[in-house]
Amino acid sequence: LSCVASGSFFQINAMDWYRQAPGMQRELVA
């Protein structure tokens, strides 16, 4: 999976990946 940040900014400080299965809470993956 890829996540591209666009727009005007200086830097990305931190990066997370979450996932959500049907009928379940969104959970932190990494």
PDB file of all heavy atoms in Angstrom:
ATOM      1  N   LEU A   1       0.832  -1.187   0.000  1.00  0.00           N
ATOM      2  CA  LEU A   1       0.000   0.000   0.000  1.00  0.00           C
ATOM      3  C   LEU A   1       0.872   1.244   0.000  1.00  0.00           C
ATOM      4  O   LEU A   1       1.935   1.265   0.620  1.00  0.00           O
ATOM      5  CB  LEU A   1      -0.915   0.027   1.220  1.00  0.00           C
ATOM      6  CG  LEU A   1      -1.811  -1.197   1.443  1.00  0.00           C
ATOM      7  CD1 LEU A   1      -2.721  -0.964   2.645  1.00  0.00           C
ATOM      8  CD2 LEU A   1      -2.626  -1.516   0.199  1.00  0.00           C
ATOM      9  N   SER A   2       0.411   2.280  -0.688  1.00  0.00           N
ATOM     10  CA  SER A   2       1.111   3.553  -0.737  1.00  0.00           C
ATOM     11  C   SER A   2       0.194   4.656  -0.237  1.00  0.00           C
ATOM     12  O   SER A   2      -1.019   4.607  -0.435  1.00  0.00           O
ATOM     13  CB  SER A   2       1.559   3.885  -2.161  1.00  0.00           C
ATOM     14  OG  SER A   2       2.437   2.911  -2.669  1.00  0.00           O
ATOM     15  N   CYS A   3       0.788   5.657   0.386  1.00  0.00           N
ATOM     16  CA  CYS A   3       0.064   6.845   0.805  1.00  0.00           C
ATOM     17  C   CYS A   3       0.901   8.051   0.423  1.00  0.00           C
ATOM     18  O   CYS A   3       2.009   8.226   0.943  1.00  0.00           O
ATOM     19  CB  CYS A   3      -0.205   6.823   2.308  1.00  0.00           C
ATOM     20  SG  CYS A   3      -1.037   8.303   2.930  1.00  0.00           S
ATOM     21  N   VAL A   4       0.373   8.874  -0.472  1.00  0.00           N
ATOM     22  CA  VAL A   4       1.082  10.045  -0.968  1.00  0.00           C
ATOM     23  C   VAL A   4       0.483  11.301  -0.351  1.00  0.00           C
ATOM     24  O   VAL A   4      -0.733  11.506  -0.413  1.00  0.00           O
ATOM     25  CB  VAL A   4       1.016  10.135  -2.502  1.00  0.00           C
ATOM     26  CG1 VAL A   4       1.758  11.374  -2.988  1.00  0.00           C
ATOM     27  CG2 VAL A   4       1.603   8.886  -3.135  1.00  0.00           C
ATOM     28  N   ALA A   5       1.337  12.126   0.233  1.00  0.00           N
ATOM     29  CA  ALA A   5       0.919  13.413   0.777  1.00  0.00           C
ATOM     30  C   ALA A   5       1.175  14.503  -0.251  1.00  0.00           C
ATOM     31  O   ALA A   5       2.270  14.588  -0.818  1.00  0.00           O
ATOM     32  CB  ALA A   5       1.669  13.722   2.064  1.00  0.00           C
ATOM     33  N   SER A   6       0.173  15.333  -0.491  1.00  0.00           N
ATOM     34  CA  SER A   6       0.310  16.426  -1.441  1.00  0.00           C
ATOM     35  C   SER A   6      -0.181  17.719  -0.811  1.00  0.00           C
ATOM     36  O   SER A   6      -0.956  17.704   0.141  1.00  0.00           O
ATOM     37  CB  SER A   6      -0.453  16.142  -2.736  1.00  0.00           C
ATOM     38  OG  SER A   6      -1.840  16.014  -2.490  1.00  0.00           O
ATOM     39  N   GLY A   7       0.269  18.842  -1.368  1.00  0.00           N
ATOM     40  CA  GLY A   7      -0.068  20.144  -0.837  1.00  0.00           C
ATOM     41  C   GLY A   7       1.176  20.870  -0.362  1.00  0.00           C
ATOM     42  O   GLY A   7       2.297  20.492  -0.695  1.00  0.00           O
ATOM     43  N   SER A   8       0.965  21.911   0.420  1.00  0.00           N
ATOM     44  CA  SER A   8       2.069  22.724   0.922  1.00  0.00           C
ATOM     45  C   SER A   8       2.363  22.369   2.374  1.00  0.00           C
ATOM     46  O   SER A   8       1.521  22.566   3.256  1.00  0.00           O
ATOM     47  CB  SER A   8       1.732  24.213   0.808  1.00  0.00           C
ATOM     48  OG  SER A   8       1.560  24.606  -0.545  1.00  0.00           O
ATOM     49  N   PHE A   9       3.543  21.841   2.629  1.00  0.00           N
ATOM     50  CA  PHE A   9       3.963  21.494   3.972  1.00  0.00           C
ATOM     51  C   PHE A   9       5.472  21.332   4.001  1.00  0.00           C
ATOM     52  O   PHE A   9       6.117  21.203   2.954  1.00  0.00           O
ATOM     53  CB  PHE A   9       3.273  20.218   4.472  1.00  0.00           C
ATOM     54  CG  PHE A   9       3.518  19.012   3.613  1.00  0.00           C
ATOM     55  CD1 PHE A   9       4.599  18.184   3.855  1.00  0.00           C
ATOM     56  CD2 PHE A   9       2.663  18.699   2.571  1.00  0.00           C
ATOM     57  CE1 PHE A   9       4.830  17.063   3.071  1.00  0.00           C
ATOM     58  CE2 PHE A   9       2.880  17.586   1.781  1.00  0.00           C
ATOM     59  CZ  PHE A   9       3.970  16.766   2.033  1.00  0.00           C
ATOM     60  N   PHE A  10       6.025  21.311   5.219  1.00  0.00           N
ATOM     61  CA  PHE A  10       7.468  21.191   5.383  1.00  0.00           C
ATOM     62  C   PHE A  10       7.932  19.752   5.464  1.00  0.00           C
ATOM     63  O   PHE A  10       8.923  19.377   4.843  1.00  0.00           O
ATOM     64  CB  PHE A  10       7.925  21.953   6.631  1.00  0.00           C
ATOM     65  CG  PHE A  10       7.863  23.447   6.511  1.00  0.00           C
ATOM     66  CD1 PHE A  10       7.715  24.250   7.638  1.00  0.00           C
ATOM     67  CD2 PHE A  10       7.969  24.065   5.282  1.00  0.00           C
ATOM     68  CE1 PHE A  10       7.666  25.626   7.539  1.00  0.00           C
ATOM     69  CE2 PHE A  10       7.917  25.445   5.156  1.00  0.00           C
ATOM     70  CZ  PHE A  10       7.766  26.223   6.298  1.00  0.00           C
ATOM     71  N   GLN A  11       7.238  18.931   6.252  1.00  0.00           N
ATOM     72  CA  GLN A  11       7.669  17.557   6.438  1.00  0.00           C
ATOM     73  C   GLN A  11       6.559  16.713   7.054  1.00  0.00           C
ATOM     74  O   GLN A  11       5.613  17.242   7.635  1.00  0.00           O
ATOM     75  CB  GLN A  11       8.911  17.488   7.339  1.00  0.00           C
ATOM     76  CG  GLN A  11       8.664  17.930   8.774  1.00  0.00           C
ATOM     77  CD  GLN A  11       9.914  17.895   9.619  1.00  0.00           C
ATOM     78  OE1 GLN A  11      11.008  18.230   9.148  1.00  0.00           O
ATOM     79  NE2 GLN A  11       9.758  17.496  10.872  1.00  0.00           N
ATOM     80  N   ILE A  12       6.707  15.412   6.920  1.00  0.00           N
ATOM     81  CA  ILE A  12       5.843  14.457   7.581  1.00  0.00           C
ATOM     82  C   ILE A  12       6.533  14.008   8.864  1.00  0.00           C
ATOM     83  O   ILE A  12       7.633  13.463   8.828  1.00  0.00           O
ATOM     84  CB  ILE A  12       5.562  13.244   6.680  1.00  0.00           C
ATOM     85  CG1 ILE A  12       4.886  13.700   5.386  1.00  0.00           C
ATOM     86  CG2 ILE A  12       4.699  12.222   7.406  1.00  0.00           C
ATOM     87  CD1 ILE A  12       4.732  12.612   4.352  1.00  0.00           C
ATOM     88  N   ASN A  13       5.883  14.239  10.006  1.00  0.00           N
ATOM     89  CA  ASN A  13       6.487  13.938  11.298  1.00  0.00           C
ATOM     90  C   ASN A  13       6.293  12.485  11.706  1.00  0.00           C
ATOM     91  O   ASN A  13       7.183  11.886  12.320  1.00  0.00           O
ATOM     92  CB  ASN A  13       5.901  14.842  12.382  1.00  0.00           C
ATOM     93  CG  ASN A  13       6.156  16.305  12.123  1.00  0.00           C
ATOM     94  OD1 ASN A  13       7.259  16.706  11.756  1.00  0.00           O
ATOM     95  ND2 ASN A  13       5.126  17.119  12.312  1.00  0.00           N
ATOM     96  N   ALA A  14       5.136  11.938  11.421  1.00  0.00           N
ATOM     97  CA  ALA A  14       4.811  10.581  11.830  1.00  0.00           C
ATOM     98  C   ALA A  14       3.832   9.979  10.836  1.00  0.00           C
ATOM     99  O   ALA A  14       3.069  10.697  10.192  1.00  0.00           O
ATOM    100  CB  ALA A  14       4.218  10.558  13.235  1.00  0.00           C
ATOM    101  N   MET A  15       3.848   8.656  10.749  1.00  0.00           N
ATOM    102  CA  MET A  15       3.008   7.953   9.794  1.00  0.00           C
ATOM    103  C   MET A  15       2.377   6.742  10.463  1.00  0.00           C
ATOM    104  O   MET A  15       3.074   5.965  11.117  1.00  0.00           O
ATOM    105  CB  MET A  15       3.835   7.503   8.585  1.00  0.00           C
ATOM    106  CG  MET A  15       4.563   8.618   7.873  1.00  0.00           C
ATOM    107  SD  MET A  15       5.680   8.000   6.579  1.00  0.00           S
ATOM    108  CE  MET A  15       6.911   7.162   7.582  1.00  0.00           C
ATOM    109  N   ASP A  16       1.077   6.591  10.297  1.00  0.00           N
ATOM    110  CA  ASP A  16       0.333   5.455  10.838  1.00  0.00           C
ATOM    111  C   ASP A  16      -0.446   4.776   9.726  1.00  0.00           C
ATOM    112  O   ASP A  16      -0.813   5.404   8.727  1.00  0.00           O
ATOM    113  CB  ASP A  16      -0.683   5.889  11.905  1.00  0.00           C
ATOM    114  CG  ASP A  16      -0.089   6.634  13.069  1.00  0.00           C
ATOM    115  OD1 ASP A  16       1.125   6.497  13.329  1.00  0.00           O
ATOM    116  OD2 ASP A  16      -0.853   7.359  13.736  1.00  0.00           O
ATOM    117  N   TRP A  17      -0.723   3.495   9.916  1.00  0.00           N
ATOM    118  CA  TRP A  17      -1.676   2.774   9.101  1.00  0.00           C
ATOM    119  C   TRP A  17      -2.734   2.155  10.012  1.00  0.00           C
ATOM    120  O   TRP A  17      -2.402   1.507  11.010  1.00  0.00           O
ATOM    121  CB  TRP A  17      -1.014   1.666   8.275  1.00  0.00           C
ATOM    122  CG  TRP A  17      -0.253   2.166   7.093  1.00  0.00           C
ATOM    123  CD1 TRP A  17       1.081   2.398   7.004  1.00  0.00           C
ATOM    124  CD2 TRP A  17      -0.795   2.481   5.803  1.00  0.00           C
ATOM    125  NE1 TRP A  17       1.416   2.837   5.749  1.00  0.00           N
ATOM    126  CE2 TRP A  17       0.274   2.901   4.990  1.00  0.00           C
ATOM    127  CE3 TRP A  17      -2.089   2.451   5.261  1.00  0.00           C
ATOM    128  CZ2 TRP A  17       0.100   3.283   3.652  1.00  0.00           C
ATOM    129  CZ3 TRP A  17      -2.260   2.835   3.942  1.00  0.00           C
ATOM    130  CH2 TRP A  17      -1.176   3.249   3.159  1.00  0.00           C
ATOM    131  N   TYR A  18      -3.988   2.377   9.678  1.00  0.00           N
ATOM    132  CA  TYR A  18      -5.125   1.784  10.366  1.00  0.00           C
ATOM    133  C   TYR A  18      -5.885   0.896   9.397  1.00  0.00           C
ATOM    134  O   TYR A  18      -5.750   1.035   8.180  1.00  0.00           O
ATOM    135  CB  TYR A  18      -6.075   2.853  10.896  1.00  0.00           C
ATOM    136  CG  TYR A  18      -5.594   3.609  12.113  1.00  0.00           C
ATOM    137  CD1 TYR A  18      -4.632   4.604  12.009  1.00  0.00           C
ATOM    138  CD2 TYR A  18      -6.127   3.340  13.371  1.00  0.00           C
ATOM    139  CE1 TYR A  18      -4.200   5.305  13.122  1.00  0.00           C
ATOM    140  CE2 TYR A  18      -5.705   4.039  14.486  1.00  0.00           C
ATOM    141  CZ  TYR A  18      -4.743   5.023  14.352  1.00  0.00           C
ATOM    142  OH  TYR A  18      -4.326   5.723  15.463  1.00  0.00           O
ATOM    143  N   ARG A  19      -6.711   0.017   9.949  1.00  0.00           N
ATOM    144  CA  ARG A  19      -7.615  -0.751   9.110  1.00  0.00           C
ATOM    145  C   ARG A  19      -8.941  -0.946   9.836  1.00  0.00           C
ATOM    146  O   ARG A  19      -9.008  -0.895  11.060  1.00  0.00           O
ATOM    147  CB  ARG A  19      -7.022  -2.107   8.713  1.00  0.00           C
ATOM    148  CG  ARG A  19      -6.896  -3.116   9.851  1.00  0.00           C
ATOM    149  CD  ARG A  19      -6.205  -4.371   9.370  1.00  0.00           C
ATOM    150  NE  ARG A  19      -6.085  -5.372  10.413  1.00  0.00           N
ATOM    151  CZ  ARG A  19      -5.380  -6.489  10.304  1.00  0.00           C
ATOM    152  NH1 ARG A  19      -4.722  -6.745   9.168  1.00  0.00           N
ATOM    153  NH2 ARG A  19      -5.336  -7.356  11.310  1.00  0.00           N
ATOM    154  N   GLN A  20      -9.988  -1.183   9.058  1.00  0.00           N
ATOM    155  CA  GLN A  20     -11.312  -1.384   9.612  1.00  0.00           C
ATOM    156  C   GLN A  20     -12.042  -2.451   8.810  1.00  0.00           C
ATOM    157  O   GLN A  20     -12.286  -2.287   7.616  1.00  0.00           O
ATOM    158  CB  GLN A  20     -12.110  -0.082   9.604  1.00  0.00           C
ATOM    159  CG  GLN A  20     -13.439  -0.169  10.322  1.00  0.00           C
ATOM    160  CD  GLN A  20     -14.059   1.198  10.537  1.00  0.00           C
ATOM    161  OE1 GLN A  20     -13.731   2.156   9.838  1.00  0.00           O
ATOM    162  NE2 GLN A  20     -14.949   1.291  11.499  1.00  0.00           N
ATOM    163  N   ALA A  21     -12.379  -3.548   9.484  1.00  0.00           N
ATOM    164  CA  ALA A  21     -13.175  -4.604   8.887  1.00  0.00           C
ATOM    165  C   ALA A  21     -14.646  -4.275   9.071  1.00  0.00           C
ATOM    166  O   ALA A  21     -15.017  -3.537   9.986  1.00  0.00           O
ATOM    167  CB  ALA A  21     -12.836  -5.949   9.523  1.00  0.00           C
ATOM    168  N   PRO A  22     -15.530  -4.816   8.223  1.00  0.00           N
ATOM    169  CA  PRO A  22     -16.959  -4.536   8.350  1.00  0.00           C
ATOM    170  C   PRO A  22     -17.497  -4.876   9.741  1.00  0.00           C
ATOM    171  O   PRO A  22     -17.231  -5.963  10.264  1.00  0.00           O
ATOM    172  CB  PRO A  22     -17.590  -5.429   7.285  1.00  0.00           C
ATOM    173  CG  PRO A  22     -16.515  -5.603   6.261  1.00  0.00           C
ATOM    174  CD  PRO A  22     -15.237  -5.657   7.049  1.00  0.00           C
ATOM    175  N   GLY A  23     -18.222  -3.933  10.342  1.00  0.00           N
ATOM    176  CA  GLY A  23     -18.818  -4.149  11.644  1.00  0.00           C
ATOM    177  C   GLY A  23     -17.862  -4.089  12.810  1.00  0.00           C
ATOM    178  O   GLY A  23     -18.257  -4.401  13.940  1.00  0.00           O
ATOM    179  N   MET A  24     -16.617  -3.692  12.576  1.00  0.00           N
ATOM    180  CA  MET A  24     -15.617  -3.661  13.635  1.00  0.00           C
ATOM    181  C   MET A  24     -15.028  -2.264  13.784  1.00  0.00           C
ATOM    182  O   MET A  24     -15.179  -1.408  12.918  1.00  0.00           O
ATOM    183  CB  MET A  24     -14.506  -4.672  13.353  1.00  0.00           C
ATOM    184  CG  MET A  24     -14.990  -6.109  13.253  1.00  0.00           C
ATOM    185  SD  MET A  24     -13.652  -7.307  13.088  1.00  0.00           S
ATOM    186  CE  MET A  24     -12.893  -7.169  14.712  1.00  0.00           C
ATOM    187  N   GLN A  25     -14.356  -2.045  14.900  1.00  0.00           N
ATOM    188  CA  GLN A  25     -13.701  -0.774  15.161  1.00  0.00           C
ATOM    189  C   GLN A  25     -12.460  -0.614  14.294  1.00  0.00           C
ATOM    190  O   GLN A  25     -11.804  -1.599  13.929  1.00  0.00           O
ATOM    191  CB  GLN A  25     -13.302  -0.671  16.638  1.00  0.00           C
ATOM    192  CG  GLN A  25     -14.460  -0.680  17.615  1.00  0.00           C
ATOM    193  CD  GLN A  25     -15.200   0.630  17.620  1.00  0.00           C
ATOM    194  OE1 GLN A  25     -14.624   1.685  17.387  1.00  0.00           O
ATOM    195  NE2 GLN A  25     -16.495   0.564  17.892  1.00  0.00           N
ATOM    196  N   ARG A  26     -12.149   0.618  13.963  1.00  0.00           N
ATOM    197  CA  ARG A  26     -10.901   0.901  13.287  1.00  0.00           C
ATOM    198  C   ARG A  26      -9.743   0.636  14.249  1.00  0.00           C
ATOM    199  O   ARG A  26      -9.776   1.061  15.408  1.00  0.00           O
ATOM    200  CB  ARG A  26     -10.875   2.350  12.809  1.00  0.00           C
ATOM    201  CG  ARG A  26      -9.690   2.698  11.931  1.00  0.00           C
ATOM    202  CD  ARG A  26      -9.812   4.113  11.363  1.00  0.00           C
ATOM    203  NE  ARG A  26     -10.997   4.261  10.520  1.00  0.00           N
ATOM    204  CZ  ARG A  26     -11.305   5.364   9.849  1.00  0.00           C
ATOM    205  NH1 ARG A  26     -10.498   6.421   9.923  1.00  0.00           N
ATOM    206  NH2 ARG A  26     -12.408   5.417   9.120  1.00  0.00           N
ATOM    207  N   GLU A  27      -8.725  -0.063  13.778  1.00  0.00           N
ATOM    208  CA  GLU A  27      -7.611  -0.436  14.627  1.00  0.00           C
ATOM    209  C   GLU A  27      -6.286   0.008  14.031  1.00  0.00           C
ATOM    210  O   GLU A  27      -6.110   0.035  12.811  1.00  0.00           O
ATOM    211  CB  GLU A  27      -7.593  -1.958  14.862  1.00  0.00           C
ATOM    212  CG  GLU A  27      -7.390  -2.774  13.601  1.00  0.00           C
ATOM    213  CD  GLU A  27      -7.282  -4.271  13.854  1.00  0.00           C
ATOM    214  OE1 GLU A  27      -7.032  -4.664  15.008  1.00  0.00           O
ATOM    215  OE2 GLU A  27      -7.451  -5.050  12.888  1.00  0.00           O
ATOM    216  N   LEU A  28      -5.366   0.321  14.908  1.00  0.00           N
ATOM    217  CA  LEU A  28      -4.020   0.691  14.486  1.00  0.00           C
ATOM    218  C   LEU A  28      -3.259  -0.554  14.064  1.00  0.00           C
ATOM    219  O   LEU A  28      -3.194  -1.536  14.805  1.00  0.00           O
ATOM    220  CB  LEU A  28      -3.289   1.400  15.625  1.00  0.00           C
ATOM    221  CG  LEU A  28      -1.842   1.823  15.358  1.00  0.00           C
ATOM    222  CD1 LEU A  28      -1.779   2.868  14.250  1.00  0.00           C
ATOM    223  CD2 LEU A  28      -1.203   2.363  16.641  1.00  0.00           C
ATOM    224  N   VAL A  29      -2.660  -0.496  12.886  1.00  0.00           N
ATOM    225  CA  VAL A  29      -1.898  -1.612  12.341  1.00  0.00           C
ATOM    226  C   VAL A  29      -0.401  -1.392  12.529  1.00  0.00           C
ATOM    227  O   VAL A  29       0.322  -2.299  12.957  1.00  0.00           O
ATOM    228  CB  VAL A  29      -2.224  -1.821  10.850  1.00  0.00           C
ATOM    229  CG1 VAL A  29      -1.337  -2.905  10.245  1.00  0.00           C
ATOM    230  CG2 VAL A  29      -3.693  -2.182  10.676  1.00  0.00           C
ATOM    231  N   ALA A  30       0.078  -0.207  12.167  1.00  0.00           N
ATOM    232  CA  ALA A  30       1.502   0.088  12.242  1.00  0.00           C
ATOM    233  C   ALA A  30       1.708   1.587  12.330  1.00  0.00           C
ATOM    234  O   ALA A  30       0.874   2.364  11.858  1.00  0.00           O
ATOM    235  CB  ALA A  30       2.245  -0.469  11.021  1.00  0.00           C
TER     236      ALA A  30
END
